[in-house]
C-alpha atoms as a PDB file:
ATOM      1  CA  MET A   1       0.000   0.000   0.000  1.00  0.00           C
ATOM      2  CA  GLY A   2       1.270   3.430  -0.885  1.00  0.00           C
ATOM      3  CA  SER A   3       1.668   6.195   1.645  1.00  0.00           C
ATOM      4  CA  ARG A   4      -1.143   8.174   0.001  1.00  0.00           C
ATOM      5  CA  ARG A   5      -3.549   5.255   0.375  1.00  0.00           C
ATOM      6  CA  ILE A   6      -2.535   4.743   4.014  1.00  0.00           C
ATOM      7  CA  PHE A   7      -3.082   8.460   4.644  1.00  0.00           C
ATOM      8  CA  ARG A   8      -6.605   8.198   3.206  1.00  0.00           C
ATOM      9  CA  TYR A   9      -7.428   5.303   5.519  1.00  0.00           C
ATOM     10  CA  VAL A  10      -5.961   7.141   8.513  1.00  0.00           C
ATOM     11  CA  ILE A  11      -8.114  10.178   7.749  1.00  0.00           C
ATOM     12  CA  SER A  12     -11.191   7.945   7.326  1.00  0.00           C
ATOM     13  CA  VAL A  13     -10.528   6.190  10.636  1.00  0.00           C
ATOM     14  CA  GLY A  14      -9.995   9.575  12.294  1.00  0.00           C
ATOM     15  CA  ILE A  15     -13.369  10.790  11.035  1.00  0.00           C
ATOM     16  CA  ALA A  16     -14.988   7.546  12.218  1.00  0.00           C
ATOM     17  CA  VAL A  17     -13.426   7.908  15.675  1.00  0.00           C
ATOM     18  CA  ALA A  18     -14.579  11.537  15.910  1.00  0.00           C
ATOM     19  CA  VAL A  19     -18.150  10.604  14.953  1.00  0.00           C
ATOM     20  CA  PHE A  20     -18.029   7.628  17.340  1.00  0.00           C
ATOM     21  CA  LEU A  21     -16.849   9.820  20.223  1.00  0.00           C
ATOM     22  CA  ALA A  22     -19.478  12.462  19.471  1.00  0.00           C
ATOM     23  CA  GLY A  23     -22.136   9.750  19.601  1.00  0.00           C
ATOM     24  CA  ALA A  24     -20.625   8.210  22.733  1.00  0.00           C
ATOM     25  CA  PHE A  25     -20.671  11.492  24.636  1.00  0.00           C
ATOM     26  CA  SER A  26     -24.160  12.426  23.450  1.00  0.00           C
ATOM     27  CA  GLN A  27     -25.574   8.975  24.324  1.00  0.00           C
ATOM     28  CA  GLY A  28     -23.812   8.828  27.719  1.00  0.00           C
ATOM     29  CA  LEU A  29     -21.786   5.717  26.896  1.00  0.00           C
ATOM     30  CA  PHE A  30     -19.166   6.341  29.575  1.00  0.00           C
ATOM     31  CA  HIS A  31     -21.797   6.650  32.313  1.00  0.00           C
ATOM     32  CA  GLU A  32     -23.527   3.316  31.646  1.00  0.00           C
ATOM     33  CA  THR A  33     -23.405   0.947  34.613  1.00  0.00           C
ATOM     34  CA  ASN A  34     -25.436  -1.922  33.158  1.00  0.00           C
ATOM     35  CA  ARG A  35     -23.541  -4.161  30.704  1.00  0.00           C
ATOM     36  CA  THR A  36     -26.606  -4.709  28.544  1.00  0.00           C
ATOM     37  CA  ASP A  37     -27.250  -0.981  28.154  1.00  0.00           C
ATOM     38  CA  PHE A  38     -23.530  -0.421  27.562  1.00  0.00           C
ATOM     39  CA  PHE A  39     -23.462  -2.798  24.590  1.00  0.00           C
ATOM     40  CA  GLY A  40     -26.692  -1.333  23.207  1.00  0.00           C
ATOM     41  CA  THR A  41     -25.279   2.185  23.350  1.00  0.00           C
ATOM     42  CA  LEU A  42     -21.946   0.966  21.976  1.00  0.00           C
ATOM     43  CA  SER A  43     -23.764  -0.588  19.028  1.00  0.00           C
ATOM     44  CA  ASP A  44     -25.523   2.719  18.358  1.00  0.00           C
ATOM     45  CA  CYS A  45     -22.242   4.624  18.577  1.00  0.00           C
ATOM     46  CA  PHE A  46     -20.635   2.343  15.972  1.00  0.00           C
ATOM     47  CA  LEU A  47     -23.675   2.671  13.753  1.00  0.00           C
ATOM     48  CA  PHE A  48     -23.326   6.475  13.403  1.00  0.00           C
ATOM     49  CA  PRO A  49     -19.956   6.403  11.561  1.00  0.00           C
ATOM     50  CA  ALA A  50     -21.021   3.266   9.680  1.00  0.00           C
ATOM     51  CA  VAL A  51     -23.989   5.039   8.136  1.00  0.00           C
ATOM     52  CA  LEU A  52     -22.107   8.288   7.525  1.00  0.00           C
ATOM     53  CA  LEU A  53     -18.879   6.933   6.035  1.00  0.00           C
ATOM     54  CA  GLY A  54     -20.423   3.873   4.427  1.00  0.00           C
ATOM     55  CA  GLY A  55     -23.118   6.016   2.854  1.00  0.00           C
ATOM     56  CA  ILE A  56     -20.617   8.514   1.464  1.00  0.00           C
ATOM     57  CA  GLY A  57     -18.471   5.682   0.094  1.00  0.00           C
ATOM     58  CA  ALA A  58     -21.441   3.906  -1.475  1.00  0.00           C
ATOM     59  CA  LEU A  59     -22.783   7.111  -3.031  1.00  0.00           C
ATOM     60  CA  SER A  60     -19.362   7.941  -4.467  1.00  0.00           C
ATOM     61  CA  TRP A  61     -19.167   4.451  -5.996  1.00  0.00           C
ATOM     62  CA  ILE A  62     -22.640   4.840  -7.496  1.00  0.00           C
ATOM     63  CA  ALA A  63     -21.744   8.294  -8.824  1.00  0.00           C
ATOM     64  CA  GLN A  64     -18.514   6.945 -10.348  1.00  0.00           C
ATOM     65  CA  THR A  65     -20.487   4.444 -12.400  1.00  0.00           C
ATOM     66  CA  GLY A  66     -22.354   7.340 -14.039  1.00  0.00           C
ATOM     67  CA  THR A  67     -25.721   6.866 -12.380  1.00  0.00           C
ATOM     68  CA  PHE A  68     -26.081  10.550 -11.473  1.00  0.00           C
ATOM     69  CA  ASP A  69     -24.742  11.954 -14.764  1.00  0.00           C
ATOM     70  CA  MET A  70     -28.140  12.697 -16.272  1.00  0.00           C
ATOM     71  CA  LEU A  71     -29.229  14.476 -13.109  1.00  0.00           C
ATOM     72  CA  GLY A  72     -26.016  16.516 -13.037  1.00  0.00           C
ATOM     73  CA  TYR A  73     -26.382  17.381 -16.704  1.00  0.00           C
ATOM     74  CA  GLY A  74     -29.958  18.541 -16.199  1.00  0.00           C
ATOM     75  CA  PHE A  75     -29.024  20.817 -13.317  1.00  0.00           C
ATOM     76  CA  SER A  76     -26.028  22.223 -15.192  1.00  0.00           C
ATOM     77  CA  VAL A  77     -28.244  23.074 -18.173  1.00  0.00           C
ATOM     78  CA  ILE A  78     -30.940  24.647 -15.988  1.00  0.00           C
ATOM     79  CA  PHE A  79     -28.552  26.737 -13.904  1.00  0.00           C
ATOM     80  CA  GLY A  80     -26.373  27.492 -16.920  1.00  0.00           C
ATOM     81  CA  ARG A  81     -29.332  29.001 -18.724  1.00  0.00           C
ATOM     82  CA  MET A  82     -30.262  31.040 -15.668  1.00  0.00           C
ATOM     83  CA  ILE A  83     -26.773  32.454 -15.275  1.00  0.00           C
ATOM     84  CA  HIS A  84     -25.878  32.772 -18.981  1.00  0.00           C
ATOM     85  CA  PRO A  85     -29.182  32.966 -20.911  1.00  0.00           C
ATOM     86  CA  GLY A  86     -27.639  33.462 -24.354  1.00  0.00           C
ATOM     87  CA  LYS A  87     -25.016  30.725 -24.110  1.00  0.00           C
ATOM     88  CA  ILE A  88     -25.726  27.421 -25.862  1.00  0.00           C
ATOM     89  CA  ALA A  89     -25.475  24.453 -23.513  1.00  0.00           C
ATOM     90  CA  GLU A  90     -23.183  21.552 -24.312  1.00  0.00           C
ATOM     91  CA  SER A  91     -24.747  18.303 -25.453  1.00  0.00           C
ATOM     92  CA  TYR A  92     -25.136  15.362 -23.107  1.00  0.00           C
ATOM     93  CA  TYR A  93     -22.436  13.479 -25.004  1.00  0.00           C
ATOM     94  CA  GLU A  94     -19.972  16.353 -24.573  1.00  0.00           C
ATOM     95  CA  TYR A  95     -20.897  16.538 -20.890  1.00  0.00           C
ATOM     96  CA  LYS A  96     -20.269  12.773 -20.423  1.00  0.00           C
ATOM     97  CA  VAL A  97     -16.896  12.966 -22.191  1.00  0.00           C
ATOM     98  CA  ARG A  98     -15.826  15.957 -20.078  1.00  0.00           C
ATOM     99  CA  LYS A  99     -16.953  14.297 -16.840  1.00  0.00           C
ATOM    100  CA  GLY A 100     -15.192  11.066 -17.821  1.00  0.00           C
ATOM    101  CA  GLU A 101     -11.914  12.944 -18.208  1.00  0.00           C
ATOM    102  CA  GLU A 102     -12.362  14.732 -14.864  1.00  0.00           C
ATOM    103  CA  GLN A 103     -13.225  11.626 -12.807  1.00  0.00           C
ATOM    104  CA  SER A 104     -10.820  10.913  -9.990  1.00  0.00           C
ATOM    105  CA  GLY A 105     -12.258   7.650  -8.656  1.00  0.00           C
ATOM    106  CA  TRP A 106     -14.479   6.778  -5.747  1.00  0.00           C
ATOM    107  CA  LEU A 107     -13.981   6.860  -1.983  1.00  0.00           C
ATOM    108  CA  LYS A 108     -13.260   3.185  -1.357  1.00  0.00           C
ATOM    109  CA  HIS A 109     -11.609   3.916   1.996  1.00  0.00           C
ATOM    110  CA  PHE A 110     -14.814   5.503   3.324  1.00  0.00           C
ATOM    111  CA  LEU A 111     -16.826   2.441   2.327  1.00  0.00           C
ATOM    112  CA  VAL A 112     -14.311   0.034   3.895  1.00  0.00           C
ATOM    113  CA  VAL A 113     -14.146   1.934   7.200  1.00  0.00           C
ATOM    114  CA  GLY A 114     -17.946   2.273   7.202  1.00  0.00           C
ATOM    115  CA  LEU A 115     -18.360  -1.485   6.703  1.00  0.00           C
ATOM    116  CA  ILE A 116     -15.896  -2.195   9.520  1.00  0.00           C
ATOM    117  CA  CYS A 117     -17.871   0.104  11.831  1.00  0.00           C
ATOM    118  CA  PHE A 118     -21.069  -1.634  10.734  1.00  0.00           C
ATOM    119  CA  ALA A 119     -19.551  -5.026  11.558  1.00  0.00           C
ATOM    120  CA  ALA A 120     -18.516  -3.729  15.005  1.00  0.00           C
ATOM    121  CA  SER A 121     -22.059  -2.452  15.511  1.00  0.00           C
ATOM    122  CA  ILE A 122     -23.475  -5.886  14.654  1.00  0.00           C
ATOM    123  CA  VAL A 123     -21.069  -7.597  17.072  1.00  0.00           C
ATOM    124  CA  CYS A 124     -22.075  -5.209  19.867  1.00  0.00           C
ATOM    125  CA  LEU A 125     -25.743  -5.786  19.002  1.00  0.00           C
ATOM    126  CA  ILE A 126     -25.222  -9.546  19.336  1.00  0.00           C
ATOM    127  CA  PHE A 127     -23.670  -9.040  22.781  1.00  0.00           C
ATOM    128  CA  TYR A 128     -26.587  -6.743  23.665  1.00  0.00           C
ATOM    129  CA  GLU A 129     -29.094  -9.431  22.701  1.00  0.00           C
ATOM    130  CA  LEU A 130     -27.223 -12.236  24.492  1.00  0.00           C
ATOM    131  CA  LEU A 131     -26.743 -10.401  27.817  1.00  0.00           C
END
């Protein structure tokens, strides 16, 4: 793994930890005395970064496949005509070619960290149900 890829994962884990801690403090995780309630709250705290990071990663993967291109093209034409009424809008084909050249990839590291947080949430939920 390259240093740039490792840096991306470190940033993703840092965001997940920050969201986890924000959820832990808001849910009162560190004041739980009952083990069952502790694992339930811990499961919720892992679920917050799982949904946030996993959702961003999944949406970026979907967007990279071109699913949102027609929607983006429509908004660019609408707002382009509002801002520059006399300018002729580019065709959809030209828009797709330009977007294909500008694509930088999808946020795989967000999806991976989100799935790991989701797995941790499921494990904590299992402990919650068993205790």
